[in-house]
């Protein structure tokens, strides 16, 4: 992969969903180059464009945000690795469906290297381990510029998923790396592995930036 095109990667730490969403939309409406953001979110439920509010069973004190991504309702919180691969699809020569497949495959590849067998489901984007969802996807494309992305459950609290119909499916079980023998895994530690797995699928080479402070997502 030494001759592959590089992709800047930023670790942004823990961030409010609204601030990052605003920054993503600014990227999509501008001319900034492709880049990948890796982070954790404060607790939040998000509804995709087609998400139904009846999937929010008992959100309690956790904020609910209606987002412009694809997909239905999901939960984000500390202990979950989120990656936002901000990319111009025409330059990659792929469409959004192919990107979804590549994101899923990158997670499957990562889990396989940790001796965890995972798969995908037709018509239900994401990654599953023995029928339980471990990774969710939701994307949006504007003028060929793709934003939003993927969340991977590492060691987050799973209880909030029981208060919704995850991704619109009643009774869908979720799981996390911590329950699959990966008790020392952390979002920060998994981020480089996921970056490498996705970069291989896209013939790219991840280059980690020293700081993401210039992305101004902490407003």
N, C-alpha and C. Protein backbone atom coordinates (compact mmCIF):
# COMPACT_ATOMS: atom_id res chain seq x y z
N UNK A 1 0.83 -1.21 0.00
CA UNK A 1 0.00 0.00 0.00
C UNK A 1 0.86 1.26 0.00
N UNK A 2 2.17 1.10 -0.17
CA UNK A 2 3.06 2.26 -0.09
C UNK A 2 2.79 3.27 -1.20
N UNK A 3 2.27 2.82 -2.36
CA UNK A 3 1.99 3.72 -3.46
C UNK A 3 0.56 4.24 -3.44
N UNK A 4 -0.21 3.86 -2.41
CA UNK A 4 -1.61 4.26 -2.35
C UNK A 4 -1.75 5.74 -1.99
N UNK A 5 -2.85 6.32 -2.42
CA UNK A 5 -3.14 7.71 -2.07
C UNK A 5 -3.42 7.80 -0.58
N UNK A 6 -2.93 8.85 0.06
CA UNK A 6 -3.10 8.99 1.50
C UNK A 6 -4.46 9.59 1.83
N UNK A 7 -4.94 9.28 3.04
CA UNK A 7 -6.18 9.87 3.55
C UNK A 7 -5.90 10.38 4.96
N UNK A 8 -6.09 11.66 5.21
CA UNK A 8 -5.86 12.20 6.56
C UNK A 8 -6.89 11.64 7.55
N UNK A 9 -6.41 11.22 8.72
CA UNK A 9 -7.27 10.69 9.77
C UNK A 9 -7.11 11.56 11.03
N UNK A 10 -8.24 11.83 11.69
CA UNK A 10 -8.24 12.67 12.89
C UNK A 10 -8.94 11.93 14.03
N UNK A 11 -8.30 11.89 15.19
CA UNK A 11 -8.97 11.40 16.39
C UNK A 11 -9.50 12.63 17.13
N UNK A 12 -10.83 12.71 17.29
CA UNK A 12 -11.46 13.90 17.85
C UNK A 12 -11.91 13.72 19.30
N UNK A 13 -11.70 12.54 19.87
CA UNK A 13 -12.09 12.34 21.25
C UNK A 13 -13.60 12.28 21.41
N UNK A 14 -14.10 12.77 22.54
CA UNK A 14 -15.54 12.74 22.82
C UNK A 14 -16.17 14.07 22.42
N UNK A 15 -17.24 14.00 21.62
CA UNK A 15 -17.83 15.19 21.04
C UNK A 15 -19.35 15.16 21.11
N UNK A 16 -19.96 16.35 21.16
CA UNK A 16 -21.41 16.46 21.04
C UNK A 16 -21.83 16.15 19.60
N UNK A 17 -22.92 15.43 19.46
CA UNK A 17 -23.37 15.03 18.12
C UNK A 17 -23.67 16.25 17.26
N UNK A 18 -24.39 17.22 17.80
CA UNK A 18 -24.80 18.38 17.01
C UNK A 18 -23.63 19.15 16.44
N UNK A 19 -22.58 19.31 17.23
CA UNK A 19 -21.41 20.06 16.77
C UNK A 19 -20.73 19.35 15.61
N UNK A 20 -20.60 18.03 15.73
CA UNK A 20 -19.94 17.26 14.66
C UNK A 20 -20.81 17.24 13.41
N UNK A 21 -22.11 17.10 13.59
CA UNK A 21 -23.02 17.10 12.44
C UNK A 21 -22.91 18.43 11.68
N UNK A 22 -22.88 19.52 12.42
CA UNK A 22 -22.74 20.83 11.78
C UNK A 22 -21.43 20.93 11.00
N UNK A 23 -20.35 20.41 11.58
CA UNK A 23 -19.06 20.45 10.91
C UNK A 23 -19.06 19.57 9.66
N UNK A 24 -19.74 18.42 9.74
CA UNK A 24 -19.83 17.54 8.56
C UNK A 24 -20.59 18.23 7.42
N UNK A 25 -21.69 18.88 7.76
CA UNK A 25 -22.46 19.56 6.73
C UNK A 25 -21.66 20.69 6.10
N UNK A 26 -20.85 21.38 6.92
CA UNK A 26 -19.99 22.42 6.37
C UNK A 26 -18.98 21.82 5.40
N UNK A 27 -18.43 20.66 5.75
CA UNK A 27 -17.51 19.98 4.84
C UNK A 27 -18.21 19.61 3.54
N UNK A 28 -19.42 19.05 3.64
CA UNK A 28 -20.15 18.61 2.46
C UNK A 28 -20.52 19.77 1.55
N UNK A 29 -20.72 20.96 2.12
CA UNK A 29 -21.08 22.11 1.31
C UNK A 29 -19.90 22.94 0.85
N UNK A 30 -18.69 22.51 1.18
CA UNK A 30 -17.49 23.27 0.83
C UNK A 30 -16.60 22.55 -0.15
N UNK A 31 -15.30 22.80 -0.04
CA UNK A 31 -14.34 22.23 -0.97
C UNK A 31 -13.15 21.59 -0.27
N UNK A 32 -13.29 21.34 1.04
CA UNK A 32 -12.20 20.72 1.79
C UNK A 32 -11.93 19.31 1.26
N UNK A 33 -10.70 18.82 1.36
CA UNK A 33 -10.36 17.49 0.84
C UNK A 33 -10.95 16.38 1.68
N UNK A 34 -10.88 15.16 1.14
CA UNK A 34 -11.35 13.98 1.85
C UNK A 34 -10.59 13.82 3.16
N UNK A 35 -11.28 13.30 4.18
CA UNK A 35 -10.66 13.07 5.49
C UNK A 35 -11.57 12.16 6.30
N UNK A 36 -10.99 11.46 7.25
CA UNK A 36 -11.76 10.57 8.12
C UNK A 36 -11.68 11.08 9.55
N UNK A 37 -12.84 11.15 10.21
CA UNK A 37 -12.91 11.55 11.61
C UNK A 37 -13.29 10.34 12.46
N UNK A 38 -12.55 10.13 13.53
CA UNK A 38 -12.81 9.05 14.48
C UNK A 38 -13.07 9.68 15.84
N UNK A 39 -14.11 9.22 16.54
CA UNK A 39 -14.51 9.88 17.78
C UNK A 39 -15.49 9.02 18.57
N UNK A 40 -15.85 9.53 19.74
CA UNK A 40 -16.97 9.03 20.54
C UNK A 40 -17.95 10.18 20.71
N UNK A 41 -19.23 9.84 20.88
CA UNK A 41 -20.24 10.87 21.10
C UNK A 41 -20.74 10.85 22.53
N UNK A 42 -21.16 12.02 23.01
CA UNK A 42 -21.97 12.08 24.22
C UNK A 42 -23.26 11.29 23.96
N UNK A 43 -23.92 10.79 25.00
CA UNK A 43 -25.14 10.00 24.80
C UNK A 43 -26.18 10.75 23.97
N UNK A 44 -26.70 10.09 22.93
CA UNK A 44 -27.70 10.70 22.06
C UNK A 44 -28.39 9.61 21.24
N UNK A 45 -29.69 9.79 21.03
CA UNK A 45 -30.42 9.00 20.04
C UNK A 45 -30.52 9.83 18.77
N UNK A 46 -30.27 9.21 17.63
CA UNK A 46 -30.44 9.92 16.36
C UNK A 46 -31.43 9.17 15.49
N UNK A 47 -32.26 9.96 14.81
CA UNK A 47 -33.23 9.43 13.86
C UNK A 47 -32.80 9.81 12.46
N UNK A 48 -32.71 8.82 11.57
CA UNK A 48 -32.41 9.11 10.18
C UNK A 48 -33.59 9.77 9.49
N UNK A 49 -33.39 10.14 8.23
CA UNK A 49 -34.43 10.87 7.49
C UNK A 49 -35.75 10.09 7.45
N UNK A 50 -35.65 8.77 7.32
CA UNK A 50 -36.86 7.96 7.25
C UNK A 50 -37.25 7.33 8.57
N UNK A 51 -36.57 7.71 9.64
CA UNK A 51 -36.83 7.11 10.94
C UNK A 51 -38.19 7.48 11.50
N UNK A 52 -38.84 6.52 12.14
CA UNK A 52 -40.16 6.74 12.72
C UNK A 52 -40.03 6.95 14.24
N UNK A 53 -40.75 7.92 14.74
CA UNK A 53 -40.65 8.23 16.16
C UNK A 53 -41.20 7.12 17.04
N UNK A 54 -42.05 6.24 16.47
CA UNK A 54 -42.56 5.15 17.32
C UNK A 54 -41.48 4.13 17.64
N UNK A 55 -40.31 4.26 17.02
CA UNK A 55 -39.18 3.41 17.39
C UNK A 55 -38.47 3.89 18.63
N UNK A 56 -38.84 5.08 19.11
CA UNK A 56 -38.31 5.62 20.37
C UNK A 56 -39.25 5.20 21.49
N UNK A 57 -38.94 4.12 22.15
CA UNK A 57 -39.85 3.57 23.14
C UNK A 57 -39.82 4.36 24.44
N UNK A 58 -38.63 4.61 24.96
CA UNK A 58 -38.50 5.31 26.24
C UNK A 58 -37.14 6.00 26.30
N UNK A 59 -36.98 7.10 25.55
CA UNK A 59 -35.66 7.75 25.49
C UNK A 59 -35.22 8.36 26.80
N UNK A 60 -36.17 8.66 27.70
CA UNK A 60 -35.80 9.22 28.98
C UNK A 60 -35.09 10.55 28.83
N UNK A 61 -33.99 10.70 29.55
CA UNK A 61 -33.26 11.97 29.55
C UNK A 61 -32.24 12.08 28.44
N UNK A 62 -32.08 11.03 27.63
CA UNK A 62 -31.10 11.07 26.55
C UNK A 62 -31.66 11.91 25.40
N UNK A 63 -30.91 12.90 24.90
CA UNK A 63 -31.42 13.75 23.81
C UNK A 63 -31.73 12.95 22.56
N UNK A 64 -32.70 13.44 21.79
CA UNK A 64 -33.07 12.85 20.50
C UNK A 64 -32.84 13.89 19.42
N UNK A 65 -32.12 13.50 18.36
CA UNK A 65 -31.80 14.42 17.26
C UNK A 65 -32.30 13.82 15.96
N UNK A 66 -33.09 14.57 15.20
CA UNK A 66 -33.49 14.17 13.86
C UNK A 66 -32.37 14.57 12.90
N UNK A 67 -31.69 13.59 12.33
CA UNK A 67 -30.53 13.82 11.49
C UNK A 67 -30.89 13.72 10.01
N UNK A 68 -29.96 14.10 9.14
CA UNK A 68 -30.19 13.99 7.70
C UNK A 68 -29.50 12.78 7.09
N UNK A 69 -29.07 11.85 7.91
CA UNK A 69 -28.46 10.63 7.39
C UNK A 69 -29.53 9.64 6.95
N UNK A 70 -29.10 8.58 6.29
CA UNK A 70 -30.00 7.49 5.99
C UNK A 70 -30.19 6.61 7.21
N UNK A 71 -31.15 5.69 7.15
CA UNK A 71 -31.37 4.75 8.24
C UNK A 71 -32.43 5.23 9.21
N UNK A 72 -32.60 4.47 10.29
CA UNK A 72 -33.65 4.70 11.26
C UNK A 72 -33.04 5.21 12.56
N UNK A 73 -33.55 4.73 13.70
CA UNK A 73 -33.09 5.23 14.99
C UNK A 73 -31.93 4.39 15.52
N UNK A 74 -30.97 5.04 16.14
CA UNK A 74 -29.88 4.33 16.79
C UNK A 74 -29.41 5.14 18.00
N UNK A 75 -28.48 4.55 18.73
CA UNK A 75 -27.92 5.20 19.93
C UNK A 75 -26.43 5.36 19.75
N UNK A 76 -25.92 6.51 20.17
CA UNK A 76 -24.48 6.75 20.26
C UNK A 76 -24.14 7.11 21.70
N UNK A 77 -22.97 6.67 22.16
CA UNK A 77 -22.56 7.02 23.50
C UNK A 77 -21.10 6.68 23.73
N UNK A 78 -20.54 7.12 24.85
CA UNK A 78 -19.15 6.81 25.18
C UNK A 78 -18.91 5.30 25.15
N UNK A 79 -17.78 4.91 24.60
CA UNK A 79 -17.46 3.49 24.46
C UNK A 79 -17.81 2.93 23.10
N UNK A 80 -18.38 3.76 22.25
CA UNK A 80 -18.69 3.37 20.87
C UNK A 80 -17.76 4.15 19.94
N UNK A 81 -17.11 3.44 19.03
CA UNK A 81 -16.25 4.10 18.05
C UNK A 81 -17.10 4.53 16.86
N UNK A 82 -17.05 5.81 16.55
CA UNK A 82 -17.75 6.36 15.38
C UNK A 82 -16.71 6.82 14.38
N UNK A 83 -16.90 6.45 13.12
CA UNK A 83 -16.03 6.94 12.05
C UNK A 83 -16.89 7.64 11.00
N UNK A 84 -16.48 8.85 10.67
CA UNK A 84 -17.14 9.61 9.62
C UNK A 84 -16.16 9.73 8.45
N UNK A 85 -16.29 8.87 7.43
CA UNK A 85 -15.41 8.93 6.27
C UNK A 85 -15.92 9.97 5.27
N UNK A 86 -15.43 11.18 5.39
CA UNK A 86 -15.86 12.28 4.54
C UNK A 86 -15.11 12.19 3.22
N UNK A 87 -15.82 11.77 2.19
CA UNK A 87 -15.15 11.46 0.92
C UNK A 87 -16.00 11.89 -0.27
N UNK A 88 -15.30 12.23 -1.35
CA UNK A 88 -15.95 12.57 -2.61
C UNK A 88 -16.03 11.30 -3.45
N UNK A 89 -17.22 10.77 -3.59
CA UNK A 89 -17.40 9.47 -4.23
C UNK A 89 -16.96 9.45 -5.69
N UNK A 90 -17.19 10.49 -6.48
CA UNK A 90 -16.71 10.43 -7.87
C UNK A 90 -15.21 10.19 -7.98
N UNK A 91 -14.45 10.77 -7.05
CA UNK A 91 -13.01 10.57 -7.09
C UNK A 91 -12.60 9.15 -6.75
N UNK A 92 -13.45 8.44 -6.03
CA UNK A 92 -13.17 7.05 -5.69
C UNK A 92 -13.70 6.08 -6.74
N UNK A 93 -14.57 6.58 -7.59
CA UNK A 93 -15.15 5.73 -8.62
C UNK A 93 -16.16 4.73 -8.10
N UNK A 94 -16.81 5.06 -6.97
CA UNK A 94 -17.82 4.16 -6.40
C UNK A 94 -19.06 4.96 -6.05
N UNK A 95 -20.17 4.23 -5.84
CA UNK A 95 -21.41 4.84 -5.40
C UNK A 95 -21.64 4.59 -3.93
N UNK A 96 -22.74 5.12 -3.41
CA UNK A 96 -23.00 5.02 -1.97
C UNK A 96 -23.25 3.58 -1.56
N UNK A 97 -23.91 2.77 -2.40
CA UNK A 97 -24.14 1.38 -2.03
C UNK A 97 -22.83 0.60 -1.91
N UNK A 98 -21.90 0.89 -2.81
CA UNK A 98 -20.61 0.22 -2.73
C UNK A 98 -19.85 0.68 -1.49
N UNK A 99 -19.97 1.95 -1.14
CA UNK A 99 -19.29 2.43 0.07
C UNK A 99 -19.87 1.75 1.31
N UNK A 100 -21.19 1.59 1.36
CA UNK A 100 -21.80 0.87 2.48
C UNK A 100 -21.22 -0.54 2.58
N UNK A 101 -21.13 -1.22 1.45
CA UNK A 101 -20.59 -2.58 1.46
C UNK A 101 -19.14 -2.60 1.94
N UNK A 102 -18.35 -1.62 1.51
CA UNK A 102 -16.94 -1.57 1.91
C UNK A 102 -16.79 -1.25 3.40
N UNK A 103 -17.65 -0.37 3.92
CA UNK A 103 -17.62 -0.09 5.36
C UNK A 103 -17.96 -1.34 6.16
N UNK A 104 -19.00 -2.05 5.73
CA UNK A 104 -19.36 -3.29 6.40
C UNK A 104 -18.20 -4.28 6.35
N UNK A 105 -17.59 -4.41 5.17
CA UNK A 105 -16.52 -5.40 5.02
C UNK A 105 -15.31 -5.03 5.86
N UNK A 106 -15.03 -3.74 6.00
CA UNK A 106 -13.91 -3.33 6.83
C UNK A 106 -14.11 -3.78 8.28
N UNK A 107 -15.33 -3.66 8.79
CA UNK A 107 -15.62 -4.13 10.15
C UNK A 107 -15.50 -5.65 10.22
N UNK A 108 -16.04 -6.33 9.22
CA UNK A 108 -15.93 -7.80 9.19
C UNK A 108 -14.47 -8.23 9.18
N UNK A 109 -13.64 -7.53 8.40
CA UNK A 109 -12.21 -7.84 8.35
C UNK A 109 -11.56 -7.61 9.71
N UNK A 110 -11.87 -6.48 10.35
CA UNK A 110 -11.31 -6.17 11.67
C UNK A 110 -11.67 -7.25 12.68
N UNK A 111 -12.93 -7.65 12.69
CA UNK A 111 -13.37 -8.67 13.65
C UNK A 111 -12.73 -10.02 13.35
N UNK A 112 -12.57 -10.34 12.08
CA UNK A 112 -11.95 -11.62 11.72
C UNK A 112 -10.52 -11.71 12.24
N UNK A 113 -9.80 -10.59 12.22
CA UNK A 113 -8.43 -10.59 12.74
C UNK A 113 -8.41 -10.78 14.25
N UNK A 114 -9.56 -10.58 14.88
CA UNK A 114 -9.69 -10.83 16.32
C UNK A 114 -10.46 -12.12 16.59
N UNK A 115 -10.53 -12.98 15.55
CA UNK A 115 -11.15 -14.31 15.65
C UNK A 115 -12.64 -14.23 15.99
N UNK A 116 -13.30 -13.20 15.47
CA UNK A 116 -14.75 -13.06 15.64
C UNK A 116 -15.39 -13.16 14.27
N UNK A 117 -16.32 -14.10 14.12
CA UNK A 117 -17.00 -14.30 12.84
C UNK A 117 -18.21 -13.36 12.78
N UNK A 118 -18.25 -12.53 11.75
CA UNK A 118 -19.33 -11.56 11.59
C UNK A 118 -19.85 -11.63 10.16
N UNK A 119 -21.05 -11.10 9.96
CA UNK A 119 -21.62 -11.08 8.61
C UNK A 119 -22.53 -9.88 8.45
N UNK A 120 -23.09 -9.74 7.26
CA UNK A 120 -24.04 -8.67 6.95
C UNK A 120 -25.39 -9.30 6.63
N UNK A 121 -26.43 -8.46 6.55
CA UNK A 121 -27.77 -8.90 6.22
C UNK A 121 -28.28 -8.14 5.01
N UNK A 122 -28.89 -8.84 4.08
CA UNK A 122 -29.48 -8.19 2.91
C UNK A 122 -30.64 -7.30 3.37
N UNK A 123 -30.61 -6.05 2.94
CA UNK A 123 -31.69 -5.12 3.27
C UNK A 123 -31.63 -4.51 4.65
N UNK A 124 -30.62 -4.86 5.43
CA UNK A 124 -30.47 -4.33 6.79
C UNK A 124 -29.01 -3.97 7.01
N UNK A 125 -28.57 -2.82 6.49
CA UNK A 125 -27.15 -2.44 6.58
C UNK A 125 -26.62 -2.53 8.00
N UNK A 126 -25.37 -2.97 8.10
CA UNK A 126 -24.71 -3.12 9.38
C UNK A 126 -23.93 -4.40 9.43
N UNK A 127 -23.37 -4.69 10.59
CA UNK A 127 -22.59 -5.91 10.80
C UNK A 127 -23.13 -6.63 12.02
N UNK A 128 -23.22 -7.95 11.93
CA UNK A 128 -23.87 -8.76 12.94
C UNK A 128 -22.96 -9.90 13.37
N UNK A 129 -23.04 -10.25 14.65
CA UNK A 129 -22.33 -11.40 15.21
C UNK A 129 -23.38 -12.30 15.86
N UNK A 130 -23.57 -13.47 15.29
CA UNK A 130 -24.58 -14.42 15.77
C UNK A 130 -25.95 -13.74 15.92
N UNK A 131 -26.31 -12.95 14.92
CA UNK A 131 -27.61 -12.30 14.89
C UNK A 131 -27.74 -11.03 15.69
N UNK A 132 -26.70 -10.65 16.42
CA UNK A 132 -26.73 -9.43 17.22
C UNK A 132 -25.92 -8.33 16.52
N UNK A 133 -26.46 -7.14 16.50
CA UNK A 133 -25.83 -6.06 15.75
C UNK A 133 -24.69 -5.44 16.54
N UNK A 134 -23.55 -5.32 15.88
CA UNK A 134 -22.37 -4.72 16.52
C UNK A 134 -21.95 -3.43 15.84
N UNK A 135 -22.40 -3.21 14.61
CA UNK A 135 -22.04 -1.99 13.88
C UNK A 135 -23.22 -1.51 13.05
N UNK A 136 -23.43 -0.20 13.04
CA UNK A 136 -24.53 0.42 12.30
C UNK A 136 -24.00 1.43 11.30
N UNK A 137 -24.77 1.64 10.21
CA UNK A 137 -24.36 2.57 9.17
C UNK A 137 -25.49 3.51 8.80
N UNK A 138 -25.12 4.71 8.41
CA UNK A 138 -26.07 5.68 7.87
C UNK A 138 -25.29 6.76 7.16
N UNK A 139 -25.59 7.01 5.89
CA UNK A 139 -24.82 7.94 5.08
C UNK A 139 -25.72 8.99 4.45
N UNK A 140 -25.11 10.04 3.96
CA UNK A 140 -25.79 11.09 3.19
C UNK A 140 -24.82 11.56 2.13
N UNK A 141 -25.32 11.83 0.93
CA UNK A 141 -24.48 12.33 -0.16
C UNK A 141 -25.06 13.63 -0.69
N UNK A 142 -24.22 14.65 -0.78
CA UNK A 142 -24.58 15.94 -1.38
C UNK A 142 -23.53 16.29 -2.42
N UNK A 143 -23.98 16.46 -3.65
CA UNK A 143 -23.08 16.83 -4.75
C UNK A 143 -21.88 15.89 -4.82
N UNK A 144 -22.12 14.61 -4.57
CA UNK A 144 -21.05 13.62 -4.64
C UNK A 144 -20.19 13.54 -3.40
N UNK A 145 -20.44 14.41 -2.41
CA UNK A 145 -19.66 14.43 -1.18
C UNK A 145 -20.43 13.68 -0.10
N UNK A 146 -19.82 12.61 0.42
CA UNK A 146 -20.48 11.70 1.34
C UNK A 146 -20.07 12.00 2.78
N UNK A 147 -21.07 12.05 3.66
CA UNK A 147 -20.78 12.26 5.08
C UNK A 147 -21.69 11.38 5.93
N UNK A 148 -21.61 11.53 7.26
CA UNK A 148 -22.10 10.55 8.24
C UNK A 148 -21.25 9.28 8.07
N UNK A 149 -21.67 8.15 8.65
CA UNK A 149 -20.78 7.00 8.54
C UNK A 149 -21.18 5.79 9.35
N UNK A 150 -20.26 5.32 10.19
CA UNK A 150 -20.33 4.01 10.81
C UNK A 150 -20.09 4.12 12.31
N UNK A 151 -20.82 3.31 13.09
CA UNK A 151 -20.55 3.20 14.53
C UNK A 151 -20.31 1.75 14.89
N UNK A 152 -19.30 1.51 15.71
CA UNK A 152 -18.91 0.17 16.14
C UNK A 152 -18.96 0.11 17.66
N UNK A 153 -19.74 -0.82 18.18
CA UNK A 153 -19.88 -0.96 19.64
C UNK A 153 -18.63 -1.63 20.21
N UNK A 154 -17.91 -0.90 21.03
CA UNK A 154 -16.66 -1.42 21.62
C UNK A 154 -16.91 -1.81 23.08
N UNK A 155 -17.06 -0.84 23.96
CA UNK A 155 -17.31 -1.16 25.37
C UNK A 155 -18.38 -0.23 25.96
N UNK A 156 -19.29 0.26 25.12
CA UNK A 156 -20.33 1.16 25.61
C UNK A 156 -21.42 0.39 26.36
N UNK A 157 -22.20 1.12 27.14
CA UNK A 157 -23.35 0.55 27.83
C UNK A 157 -24.44 0.26 26.80
N UNK A 158 -24.95 -0.99 26.78
CA UNK A 158 -25.93 -1.39 25.78
C UNK A 158 -27.37 -1.13 26.20
N UNK A 159 -27.62 -0.82 27.47
CA UNK A 159 -28.99 -0.66 27.96
C UNK A 159 -29.81 0.34 27.15
N UNK A 160 -29.24 1.49 26.69
CA UNK A 160 -30.06 2.43 25.92
C UNK A 160 -30.65 1.85 24.64
N UNK A 161 -30.02 0.81 24.08
CA UNK A 161 -30.58 0.20 22.88
C UNK A 161 -31.91 -0.49 23.17
N UNK A 162 -32.12 -0.89 24.42
CA UNK A 162 -33.36 -1.57 24.78
C UNK A 162 -34.54 -0.60 24.87
N UNK A 163 -34.26 0.69 24.81
CA UNK A 163 -35.31 1.70 24.87
C UNK A 163 -35.73 2.21 23.49
N UNK A 164 -35.23 1.54 22.45
CA UNK A 164 -35.59 1.88 21.07
C UNK A 164 -35.77 0.60 20.27
N UNK A 165 -36.25 0.74 19.05
CA UNK A 165 -36.19 -0.34 18.06
C UNK A 165 -34.94 -0.08 17.23
N UNK A 166 -33.81 -0.69 17.57
CA UNK A 166 -32.55 -0.36 16.90
C UNK A 166 -32.66 -0.49 15.39
N UNK A 167 -32.35 0.61 14.70
CA UNK A 167 -32.39 0.64 13.24
C UNK A 167 -33.77 0.30 12.69
N UNK A 168 -34.80 0.48 13.53
CA UNK A 168 -36.16 0.24 13.11
C UNK A 168 -36.66 -1.17 13.28
N UNK A 169 -35.86 -2.05 13.91
CA UNK A 169 -36.24 -3.45 14.07
C UNK A 169 -36.58 -3.75 15.53
N UNK A 170 -37.83 -4.07 15.77
CA UNK A 170 -38.26 -4.40 17.13
C UNK A 170 -37.57 -5.67 17.61
N UNK A 171 -37.03 -5.62 18.82
CA UNK A 171 -36.42 -6.80 19.40
C UNK A 171 -35.03 -7.14 18.90
N UNK A 172 -34.43 -6.26 18.11
CA UNK A 172 -33.08 -6.52 17.60
C UNK A 172 -32.08 -6.44 18.74
N UNK A 173 -31.32 -7.51 18.93
CA UNK A 173 -30.30 -7.53 19.97
C UNK A 173 -29.03 -6.86 19.47
N UNK A 174 -28.32 -6.24 20.39
CA UNK A 174 -27.03 -5.63 20.07
C UNK A 174 -25.95 -6.31 20.89
N UNK A 175 -24.72 -6.14 20.45
CA UNK A 175 -23.59 -6.68 21.18
C UNK A 175 -22.42 -5.70 21.06
N UNK A 176 -21.33 -6.03 21.74
CA UNK A 176 -20.16 -5.16 21.74
C UNK A 176 -18.91 -6.00 21.85
N UNK A 177 -17.78 -5.43 21.50
CA UNK A 177 -16.51 -6.16 21.56
C UNK A 177 -16.22 -6.65 22.96
N UNK A 178 -16.58 -5.86 23.97
CA UNK A 178 -16.30 -6.24 25.36
C UNK A 178 -16.98 -7.55 25.74
N UNK A 179 -18.11 -7.88 25.08
CA UNK A 179 -18.83 -9.12 25.38
C UNK A 179 -18.40 -10.27 24.48
N UNK A 180 -17.43 -10.00 23.63
CA UNK A 180 -16.94 -11.02 22.69
C UNK A 180 -15.48 -11.36 22.97
N UNK A 181 -15.09 -11.23 24.22
CA UNK A 181 -13.73 -11.58 24.62
C UNK A 181 -12.71 -10.47 24.46
N UNK A 182 -13.14 -9.29 23.99
CA UNK A 182 -12.22 -8.18 23.74
C UNK A 182 -12.32 -7.17 24.89
N UNK A 183 -11.99 -7.62 26.08
CA UNK A 183 -12.24 -6.81 27.28
C UNK A 183 -11.29 -5.63 27.42
N UNK A 184 -10.18 -5.63 26.70
CA UNK A 184 -9.25 -4.50 26.80
C UNK A 184 -9.39 -3.51 25.64
N UNK A 185 -10.31 -3.78 24.73
CA UNK A 185 -10.49 -2.91 23.57
C UNK A 185 -11.11 -1.57 23.98
N UNK A 186 -10.66 -0.51 23.35
CA UNK A 186 -11.20 0.83 23.57
C UNK A 186 -11.43 1.47 22.20
N UNK A 187 -12.34 2.45 22.11
CA UNK A 187 -12.51 3.13 20.83
C UNK A 187 -11.21 3.74 20.29
N UNK A 188 -10.44 4.37 21.15
CA UNK A 188 -9.18 4.99 20.70
C UNK A 188 -8.21 3.93 20.19
N UNK A 189 -8.19 2.78 20.84
CA UNK A 189 -7.28 1.73 20.42
C UNK A 189 -7.72 1.03 19.14
N UNK A 190 -9.04 0.94 18.93
CA UNK A 190 -9.56 0.27 17.75
C UNK A 190 -9.50 1.16 16.52
N UNK A 191 -9.51 2.47 16.70
CA UNK A 191 -9.56 3.41 15.58
C UNK A 191 -8.50 3.14 14.50
N UNK A 192 -7.21 2.97 14.86
CA UNK A 192 -6.22 2.71 13.80
C UNK A 192 -6.47 1.40 13.07
N UNK A 193 -6.99 0.38 13.77
CA UNK A 193 -7.29 -0.89 13.12
C UNK A 193 -8.40 -0.72 12.10
N UNK A 194 -9.43 0.02 12.47
CA UNK A 194 -10.53 0.23 11.54
C UNK A 194 -10.09 1.09 10.36
N UNK A 195 -9.25 2.08 10.63
CA UNK A 195 -8.73 2.91 9.54
C UNK A 195 -7.94 2.07 8.55
N UNK A 196 -7.10 1.18 9.05
CA UNK A 196 -6.31 0.31 8.17
C UNK A 196 -7.21 -0.63 7.37
N UNK A 197 -8.21 -1.20 8.04
CA UNK A 197 -9.11 -2.15 7.36
C UNK A 197 -9.87 -1.46 6.24
N UNK A 198 -10.39 -0.26 6.50
CA UNK A 198 -11.13 0.45 5.47
C UNK A 198 -10.20 0.93 4.36
N UNK A 199 -9.01 1.40 4.74
CA UNK A 199 -8.06 1.89 3.74
C UNK A 199 -7.68 0.78 2.76
N UNK A 200 -7.51 -0.44 3.27
CA UNK A 200 -7.18 -1.55 2.38
C UNK A 200 -8.27 -1.76 1.33
N UNK A 201 -9.51 -1.65 1.76
CA UNK A 201 -10.63 -1.88 0.85
C UNK A 201 -10.76 -0.77 -0.19
N UNK A 202 -10.26 0.42 0.13
CA UNK A 202 -10.37 1.57 -0.77
C UNK A 202 -9.05 1.91 -1.45
N UNK A 203 -8.02 1.07 -1.24
CA UNK A 203 -6.70 1.30 -1.82
C UNK A 203 -6.15 2.67 -1.41
N UNK A 204 -6.30 2.98 -0.13
CA UNK A 204 -5.80 4.22 0.43
C UNK A 204 -4.78 3.91 1.52
N UNK A 205 -4.09 4.95 1.99
CA UNK A 205 -3.13 4.80 3.09
C UNK A 205 -3.46 5.84 4.15
N UNK A 206 -3.89 5.41 5.34
CA UNK A 206 -4.25 6.38 6.38
C UNK A 206 -3.03 7.07 6.96
N UNK A 207 -3.14 8.37 7.14
CA UNK A 207 -2.08 9.16 7.78
C UNK A 207 -2.74 9.94 8.91
N UNK A 208 -2.30 9.67 10.14
CA UNK A 208 -2.92 10.30 11.31
C UNK A 208 -2.34 11.67 11.53
N UNK A 209 -3.23 12.66 11.63
CA UNK A 209 -2.83 14.02 11.91
C UNK A 209 -2.56 14.17 13.41
N UNK A 210 -1.68 15.08 13.76
CA UNK A 210 -1.29 15.26 15.15
C UNK A 210 -2.46 15.75 16.00
N UNK A 211 -3.34 16.54 15.40
CA UNK A 211 -4.44 17.12 16.16
C UNK A 211 -5.60 17.40 15.24
N UNK A 212 -6.82 17.26 15.79
CA UNK A 212 -8.00 17.62 15.02
C UNK A 212 -8.56 18.96 15.44
N UNK A 213 -7.79 19.74 16.19
CA UNK A 213 -8.30 21.00 16.72
C UNK A 213 -8.75 21.95 15.62
N UNK A 214 -8.10 21.87 14.45
CA UNK A 214 -8.44 22.78 13.37
C UNK A 214 -9.80 22.47 12.75
N UNK A 215 -10.41 21.35 13.15
CA UNK A 215 -11.71 20.99 12.59
C UNK A 215 -12.84 21.72 13.29
N UNK A 216 -12.57 22.36 14.40
CA UNK A 216 -13.53 23.21 15.13
C UNK A 216 -14.89 22.54 15.28
N UNK A 217 -14.89 21.33 15.84
CA UNK A 217 -16.15 20.64 16.09
C UNK A 217 -16.53 20.72 17.56
N UNK A 218 -15.83 21.52 18.33
CA UNK A 218 -16.09 21.57 19.77
C UNK A 218 -16.84 22.84 20.16
N UNK A 219 -17.48 23.48 19.21
CA UNK A 219 -18.21 24.73 19.51
C UNK A 219 -19.44 24.45 20.36
